[in-house]
Amino acid sequence: MSPPADREPLARPLLHMATGLLAPTLGVLAPPWNVVGAGLGVLAGWVLLPLLGIDARLRRPGEPFLGGLRTYPLAVLGLVLWLPPCEAAAAWGVLAFGDGAAAIVGSRLSAPSLCGHPKATWAGSGAYVVLGGLGAFGVSAAAGALAHATGWVDAGAAPSLGVCFAAAAGAAILDLVPLPPDDNVPAAAAAGGVLTAFRMLT
């Protein structure tokens, strides 16, 4: 068993996960407004959090300027521009709940390292897939239900639970690869790519 790494402070992954609760709104806002909302998220991450001093409290030691706090809203914006609303919500859910759960579980639970990876453990990556898949399914289903109830947004079909788990697994695998500047954009791209592939195959 590998001892857990230094414990990730809870504030950052919990904020990461809390923002994912906004994903169902993609089913009730017209696409231009989804882009506006995602743009406001970028503004918050790049301007508001630093102005309020929150950025300094949440940043990890040694984290570069273009770290997770700034790439996360960029990843969400990319998903909103790329995918139909229900799929964008699912990929956002993978990013929010999967990555957040991996940070919490991986830094608190002793578990073997994943294939010799210097940071990832089976517990953390397993949490990524399980919580990421469940979170993706929940928020995408909610986005689809809201779109159906209101009737003014074509949100597309919500991915099945199996597809959501596949998207979370794809994101968790790519999360293991040290791609600059941060893992948020590659993981979001992996989740979005899996969702797109399943849509095109069905």
C-alpha atoms as a PDB file:
ATOM      1  CA  MET A   1       0.000   0.000   0.000  1.00  0.00           C
ATOM      2  CA  SER A   2       1.172   3.485  -0.787  1.00  0.00           C
ATOM      3  CA  PRO A   3       0.479   6.115   1.860  1.00  0.00           C
ATOM      4  CA  PRO A   4      -1.705   8.936   0.692  1.00  0.00           C
ATOM      5  CA  ALA A   5       0.032  12.051  -0.542  1.00  0.00           C
ATOM      6  CA  ASP A   6      -0.229  15.292   1.358  1.00  0.00           C
ATOM      7  CA  ARG A   7      -3.898  15.908   1.923  1.00  0.00           C
ATOM      8  CA  GLU A   8      -5.548  18.097  -0.644  1.00  0.00           C
ATOM      9  CA  PRO A   9      -7.336  20.949   1.194  1.00  0.00           C
ATOM     10  CA  LEU A  10     -11.056  20.374   0.823  1.00  0.00           C
ATOM     11  CA  ALA A  11     -11.983  23.890  -0.319  1.00  0.00           C
ATOM     12  CA  ARG A  12     -10.593  23.575  -3.830  1.00  0.00           C
ATOM     13  CA  PRO A  13     -12.050  20.173  -4.879  1.00  0.00           C
ATOM     14  CA  LEU A  14     -15.365  21.016  -3.216  1.00  0.00           C
ATOM     15  CA  LEU A  15     -15.528  24.265  -5.193  1.00  0.00           C
ATOM     16  CA  HIS A  16     -14.611  22.258  -8.290  1.00  0.00           C
ATOM     17  CA  MET A  17     -17.527  19.903  -7.628  1.00  0.00           C
ATOM     18  CA  ALA A  18     -19.967  22.636  -6.623  1.00  0.00           C
ATOM     19  CA  THR A  19     -19.568  24.384  -9.964  1.00  0.00           C
ATOM     20  CA  GLY A  20     -20.669  21.144 -11.625  1.00  0.00           C
ATOM     21  CA  LEU A  21     -24.084  21.629 -10.033  1.00  0.00           C
ATOM     22  CA  LEU A  22     -24.570  24.458 -12.532  1.00  0.00           C
ATOM     23  CA  ALA A  23     -24.314  22.037 -15.470  1.00  0.00           C
ATOM     24  CA  PRO A  24     -28.084  21.298 -15.650  1.00  0.00           C
ATOM     25  CA  THR A  25     -28.689  24.964 -16.522  1.00  0.00           C
ATOM     26  CA  LEU A  26     -27.306  24.140 -19.976  1.00  0.00           C
ATOM     27  CA  GLY A  27     -30.679  22.513 -20.636  1.00  0.00           C
ATOM     28  CA  VAL A  28     -32.712  25.656 -20.028  1.00  0.00           C
ATOM     29  CA  LEU A  29     -30.530  28.420 -21.449  1.00  0.00           C
ATOM     30  CA  ALA A  30     -30.353  29.014 -25.184  1.00  0.00           C
ATOM     31  CA  PRO A  31     -26.874  28.165 -26.568  1.00  0.00           C
ATOM     32  CA  PRO A  32     -25.724  31.802 -26.829  1.00  0.00           C
ATOM     33  CA  TRP A  33     -26.532  32.317 -23.171  1.00  0.00           C
ATOM     34  CA  ASN A  34     -24.675  29.125 -22.266  1.00  0.00           C
ATOM     35  CA  VAL A  35     -21.612  30.632 -23.922  1.00  0.00           C
ATOM     36  CA  VAL A  36     -22.157  33.879 -22.021  1.00  0.00           C
ATOM     37  CA  GLY A  37     -22.463  31.955 -18.753  1.00  0.00           C
ATOM     38  CA  ALA A  38     -19.291  29.972 -19.446  1.00  0.00           C
ATOM     39  CA  GLY A  39     -17.554  33.227 -20.360  1.00  0.00           C
ATOM     40  CA  LEU A  40     -18.574  34.650 -16.996  1.00  0.00           C
ATOM     41  CA  GLY A  41     -16.979  31.605 -15.405  1.00  0.00           C
ATOM     42  CA  VAL A  42     -13.728  32.428 -17.191  1.00  0.00           C
ATOM     43  CA  LEU A  43     -14.021  36.018 -15.983  1.00  0.00           C
ATOM     44  CA  ALA A  44     -14.556  34.792 -12.421  1.00  0.00           C
ATOM     45  CA  GLY A  45     -11.555  32.475 -12.544  1.00  0.00           C
ATOM     46  CA  TRP A  46      -9.205  34.956 -14.161  1.00  0.00           C
ATOM     47  CA  VAL A  47     -10.340  38.243 -12.577  1.00  0.00           C
ATOM     48  CA  LEU A  48     -12.795  37.899  -9.706  1.00  0.00           C
ATOM     49  CA  LEU A  49     -11.058  35.188  -7.651  1.00  0.00           C
ATOM     50  CA  PRO A  50      -7.681  36.983  -7.776  1.00  0.00           C
ATOM     51  CA  LEU A  51      -9.284  40.324  -6.877  1.00  0.00           C
ATOM     52  CA  LEU A  52     -11.022  38.782  -3.862  1.00  0.00           C
ATOM     53  CA  GLY A  53      -7.856  37.008  -2.747  1.00  0.00           C
ATOM     54  CA  ILE A  54      -9.524  33.610  -3.102  1.00  0.00           C
ATOM     55  CA  ASP A  55      -7.123  32.571  -5.838  1.00  0.00           C
ATOM     56  CA  ALA A  56      -4.118  32.822  -3.519  1.00  0.00           C
ATOM     57  CA  ARG A  57      -5.828  30.698  -0.844  1.00  0.00           C
ATOM     58  CA  LEU A  58      -6.856  27.966  -3.279  1.00  0.00           C
ATOM     59  CA  ARG A  59      -3.676  27.756  -5.349  1.00  0.00           C
ATOM     60  CA  ARG A  60      -1.410  24.793  -4.665  1.00  0.00           C
ATOM     61  CA  PRO A  61       2.233  25.417  -3.654  1.00  0.00           C
ATOM     62  CA  GLY A  62       4.312  25.995  -6.758  1.00  0.00           C
ATOM     63  CA  GLU A  63       1.316  26.027  -9.061  1.00  0.00           C
ATOM     64  CA  PRO A  64       1.948  28.119 -12.195  1.00  0.00           C
ATOM     65  CA  PHE A  65      -0.167  31.089 -13.227  1.00  0.00           C
ATOM     66  CA  LEU A  66      -1.962  29.001 -15.832  1.00  0.00           C
ATOM     67  CA  GLY A  67      -3.042  26.351 -13.341  1.00  0.00           C
ATOM     68  CA  GLY A  68      -6.271  24.523 -12.650  1.00  0.00           C
ATOM     69  CA  LEU A  69      -8.152  27.513 -11.292  1.00  0.00           C
ATOM     70  CA  ARG A  70      -7.828  29.194 -14.688  1.00  0.00           C
ATOM     71  CA  THR A  71      -7.947  26.201 -17.034  1.00  0.00           C
ATOM     72  CA  TYR A  72     -11.116  24.754 -15.467  1.00  0.00           C
ATOM     73  CA  PRO A  73     -13.453  27.531 -16.712  1.00  0.00           C
ATOM     74  CA  LEU A  74     -11.680  27.475 -20.087  1.00  0.00           C
ATOM     75  CA  ALA A  75     -12.395  23.744 -20.316  1.00  0.00           C
ATOM     76  CA  VAL A  76     -16.075  24.320 -19.528  1.00  0.00           C
ATOM     77  CA  LEU A  77     -16.264  27.066 -22.157  1.00  0.00           C
ATOM     78  CA  GLY A  78     -14.736  24.717 -24.709  1.00  0.00           C
ATOM     79  CA  LEU A  79     -17.292  22.011 -23.884  1.00  0.00           C
ATOM     80  CA  VAL A  80     -20.194  24.448 -24.230  1.00  0.00           C
ATOM     81  CA  LEU A  81     -18.911  25.589 -27.625  1.00  0.00           C
ATOM     82  CA  TRP A  82     -18.241  22.046 -28.838  1.00  0.00           C
ATOM     83  CA  LEU A  83     -21.029  19.745 -27.614  1.00  0.00           C
ATOM     84  CA  PRO A  84     -24.834  19.680 -27.511  1.00  0.00           C
ATOM     85  CA  PRO A  85     -26.077  20.891 -24.113  1.00  0.00           C
ATOM     86  CA  CYS A  86     -26.768  17.473 -22.561  1.00  0.00           C
ATOM     87  CA  GLU A  87     -23.365  16.150 -23.603  1.00  0.00           C
ATOM     88  CA  ALA A  88     -21.640  19.352 -22.502  1.00  0.00           C
ATOM     89  CA  ALA A  89     -23.321  18.926 -19.112  1.00  0.00           C
ATOM     90  CA  ALA A  90     -22.133  15.309 -18.930  1.00  0.00           C
ATOM     91  CA  ALA A  91     -18.526  16.186 -19.768  1.00  0.00           C
ATOM     92  CA  TRP A  92     -18.663  19.062 -17.278  1.00  0.00           C
ATOM     93  CA  GLY A  93     -19.945  16.584 -14.699  1.00  0.00           C
ATOM     94  CA  VAL A  94     -17.015  14.262 -15.375  1.00  0.00           C
ATOM     95  CA  LEU A  95     -14.589  17.134 -14.896  1.00  0.00           C
ATOM     96  CA  ALA A  96     -16.280  18.529 -11.795  1.00  0.00           C
ATOM     97  CA  PHE A  97     -17.151  15.404  -9.841  1.00  0.00           C
ATOM     98  CA  GLY A  98     -14.517  13.006 -11.163  1.00  0.00           C
ATOM     99  CA  ASP A  99     -11.504  15.249 -10.725  1.00  0.00           C
ATOM    100  CA  GLY A 100     -12.790  16.603  -7.418  1.00  0.00           C
ATOM    101  CA  ALA A 101     -13.413  13.120  -6.029  1.00  0.00           C
ATOM    102  CA  ALA A 102     -10.003  11.907  -7.196  1.00  0.00           C
ATOM    103  CA  ALA A 103      -8.282  14.778  -5.382  1.00  0.00           C
ATOM    104  CA  ILE A 104     -10.153  14.117  -2.139  1.00  0.00           C
ATOM    105  CA  VAL A 105      -9.990  10.311  -2.119  1.00  0.00           C
ATOM    106  CA  GLY A 106      -6.503  10.002  -3.578  1.00  0.00           C
ATOM    107  CA  SER A 107      -4.974  12.284  -0.950  1.00  0.00           C
ATOM    108  CA  ARG A 108      -6.790  10.698   1.992  1.00  0.00           C
ATOM    109  CA  LEU A 109      -6.951   6.966   1.363  1.00  0.00           C
ATOM    110  CA  SER A 110      -3.917   4.697   1.381  1.00  0.00           C
ATOM    111  CA  ALA A 111      -3.903   2.684  -1.834  1.00  0.00           C
ATOM    112  CA  PRO A 112      -1.409   1.209  -4.318  1.00  0.00           C
ATOM    113  CA  SER A 113      -0.068   3.580  -6.949  1.00  0.00           C
ATOM    114  CA  LEU A 114      -1.653   3.167 -10.362  1.00  0.00           C
ATOM    115  CA  CYS A 115       0.867   1.419 -12.636  1.00  0.00           C
ATOM    116  CA  GLY A 116       3.745   3.162 -10.885  1.00  0.00           C
ATOM    117  CA  HIS A 117       2.327   6.639 -11.458  1.00  0.00           C
ATOM    118  CA  PRO A 118       4.022   9.133  -9.111  1.00  0.00           C
ATOM    119  CA  LYS A 119       0.753  10.724  -7.970  1.00  0.00           C
ATOM    120  CA  ALA A 120      -2.234   8.598  -9.038  1.00  0.00           C
ATOM    121  CA  THR A 121      -3.550   5.717  -6.956  1.00  0.00           C
ATOM    122  CA  TRP A 122      -6.143   3.058  -7.678  1.00  0.00           C
ATOM    123  CA  ALA A 123      -8.405   4.669  -5.091  1.00  0.00           C
ATOM    124  CA  GLY A 124      -8.157   8.157  -6.567  1.00  0.00           C
ATOM    125  CA  SER A 125      -8.551   7.060 -10.183  1.00  0.00           C
ATOM    126  CA  GLY A 126     -11.361   4.701  -9.203  1.00  0.00           C
ATOM    127  CA  ALA A 127     -13.140   7.584  -7.509  1.00  0.00           C
ATOM    128  CA  TYR A 128     -12.627   9.623 -10.681  1.00  0.00           C
ATOM    129  CA  VAL A 129     -14.415   7.021 -12.803  1.00  0.00           C
ATOM    130  CA  VAL A 130     -17.210   6.199 -10.346  1.00  0.00           C
ATOM    131  CA  LEU A 131     -18.065   9.703  -9.135  1.00  0.00           C
ATOM    132  CA  GLY A 132     -17.322  11.230 -12.525  1.00  0.00           C
ATOM    133  CA  GLY A 133     -19.623   8.774 -14.272  1.00  0.00           C
ATOM    134  CA  LEU A 134     -22.425   9.134 -11.744  1.00  0.00           C
ATOM    135  CA  GLY A 135     -22.092  12.910 -11.655  1.00  0.00           C
ATOM    136  CA  ALA A 136     -22.078  13.132 -15.448  1.00  0.00           C
ATOM    137  CA  PHE A 137     -25.183  10.985 -15.695  1.00  0.00           C
ATOM    138  CA  GLY A 138     -27.002  12.980 -13.025  1.00  0.00           C
ATOM    139  CA  VAL A 139     -26.349  16.455 -14.382  1.00  0.00           C
ATOM    140  CA  SER A 140     -26.916  15.465 -18.017  1.00  0.00           C
ATOM    141  CA  ALA A 141     -30.204  13.757 -17.148  1.00  0.00           C
ATOM    142  CA  ALA A 142     -31.238  16.862 -15.217  1.00  0.00           C
ATOM    143  CA  ALA A 143     -30.306  19.077 -18.177  1.00  0.00           C
ATOM    144  CA  GLY A 144     -32.366  16.859 -20.473  1.00  0.00           C
ATOM    145  CA  ALA A 145     -35.347  16.862 -18.125  1.00  0.00           C
ATOM    146  CA  LEU A 146     -35.253  20.639 -17.796  1.00  0.00           C
ATOM    147  CA  ALA A 147     -35.000  21.045 -21.574  1.00  0.00           C
ATOM    148  CA  HIS A 148     -37.983  18.732 -22.057  1.00  0.00           C
ATOM    149  CA  ALA A 149     -40.019  20.509 -19.396  1.00  0.00           C
ATOM    150  CA  THR A 150     -39.409  23.993 -20.770  1.00  0.00           C
ATOM    151  CA  GLY A 151     -39.430  23.042 -24.437  1.00  0.00           C
ATOM    152  CA  TRP A 152     -37.406  25.966 -25.770  1.00  0.00           C
ATOM    153  CA  VAL A 153     -33.943  24.348 -25.945  1.00  0.00           C
ATOM    154  CA  ASP A 154     -32.874  21.430 -28.131  1.00  0.00           C
ATOM    155  CA  ALA A 155     -30.435  19.947 -25.650  1.00  0.00           C
ATOM    156  CA  GLY A 156     -29.855  16.689 -27.493  1.00  0.00           C
ATOM    157  CA  ALA A 157     -30.051  13.268 -25.893  1.00  0.00           C
ATOM    158  CA  ALA A 158     -28.644  12.704 -22.413  1.00  0.00           C
ATOM    159  CA  PRO A 159     -25.941   9.999 -22.520  1.00  0.00           C
ATOM    160  CA  SER A 160     -26.674   6.667 -20.887  1.00  0.00           C
ATOM    161  CA  LEU A 161     -25.038   5.692 -17.611  1.00  0.00           C
ATOM    162  CA  GLY A 162     -22.660   3.352 -19.434  1.00  0.00           C
ATOM    163  CA  VAL A 163     -21.560   6.081 -21.830  1.00  0.00           C
ATOM    164  CA  CYS A 164     -21.032   8.452 -18.898  1.00  0.00           C
ATOM    165  CA  PHE A 165     -18.796   5.884 -17.208  1.00  0.00           C
ATOM    166  CA  ALA A 166     -16.869   5.466 -20.473  1.00  0.00           C
ATOM    167  CA  ALA A 167     -16.396   9.240 -20.695  1.00  0.00           C
ATOM    168  CA  ALA A 168     -15.194   9.331 -17.084  1.00  0.00           C
ATOM    169  CA  ALA A 169     -12.774   6.465 -17.754  1.00  0.00           C
ATOM    170  CA  GLY A 170     -11.393   8.253 -20.801  1.00  0.00           C
ATOM    171  CA  ALA A 171     -10.884  11.435 -18.787  1.00  0.00           C
ATOM    172  CA  ALA A 172      -9.277   9.522 -15.903  1.00  0.00           C
ATOM    173  CA  ILE A 173      -6.825   7.833 -18.280  1.00  0.00           C
ATOM    174  CA  LEU A 174      -5.809  11.084 -19.941  1.00  0.00           C
ATOM    175  CA  ASP A 175      -5.558  12.683 -16.498  1.00  0.00           C
ATOM    176  CA  LEU A 176      -2.570  10.394 -15.886  1.00  0.00           C
ATOM    177  CA  VAL A 177      -0.604  11.936 -18.759  1.00  0.00           C
ATOM    178  CA  PRO A 178       1.355  15.058 -17.755  1.00  0.00           C
ATOM    179  CA  LEU A 179       0.135  17.417 -20.468  1.00  0.00           C
ATOM    180  CA  PRO A 180       0.760  21.157 -20.065  1.00  0.00           C
ATOM    181  CA  PRO A 181      -0.459  23.441 -18.755  1.00  0.00           C
ATOM    182  CA  ASP A 182      -2.901  21.459 -16.591  1.00  0.00           C
ATOM    183  CA  ASP A 183      -5.044  18.323 -16.664  1.00  0.00           C
ATOM    184  CA  ASN A 184      -8.434  20.069 -16.895  1.00  0.00           C
ATOM    185  CA  VAL A 185      -8.488  20.797 -20.627  1.00  0.00           C
ATOM    186  CA  PRO A 186      -7.126  17.369 -21.715  1.00  0.00           C
ATOM    187  CA  ALA A 187      -9.526  15.532 -19.388  1.00  0.00           C
ATOM    188  CA  ALA A 188     -12.492  17.574 -20.628  1.00  0.00           C
ATOM    189  CA  ALA A 189     -11.416  16.922 -24.214  1.00  0.00           C
ATOM    190  CA  ALA A 190     -11.205  13.184 -23.526  1.00  0.00           C
ATOM    191  CA  ALA A 191     -14.677  13.092 -21.978  1.00  0.00           C
ATOM    192  CA  GLY A 192     -16.098  15.143 -24.840  1.00  0.00           C
ATOM    193  CA  GLY A 193     -14.376  12.942 -27.410  1.00  0.00           C
ATOM    194  CA  VAL A 194     -15.838   9.760 -25.919  1.00  0.00           C
ATOM    195  CA  LEU A 195     -19.326  11.289 -25.820  1.00  0.00           C
ATOM    196  CA  THR A 196     -19.008  12.444 -29.431  1.00  0.00           C
ATOM    197  CA  ALA A 197     -17.792   9.024 -30.566  1.00  0.00           C
ATOM    198  CA  PHE A 198     -20.703   7.208 -28.936  1.00  0.00           C
ATOM    199  CA  ARG A 199     -23.194   9.673 -30.439  1.00  0.00           C
ATOM    200  CA  MET A 200     -21.764   9.187 -33.914  1.00  0.00           C
ATOM    201  CA  LEU A 201     -21.802   5.388 -33.562  1.00  0.00           C
ATOM    202  CA  THR A 202     -25.450   5.185 -32.483  1.00  0.00           C
END
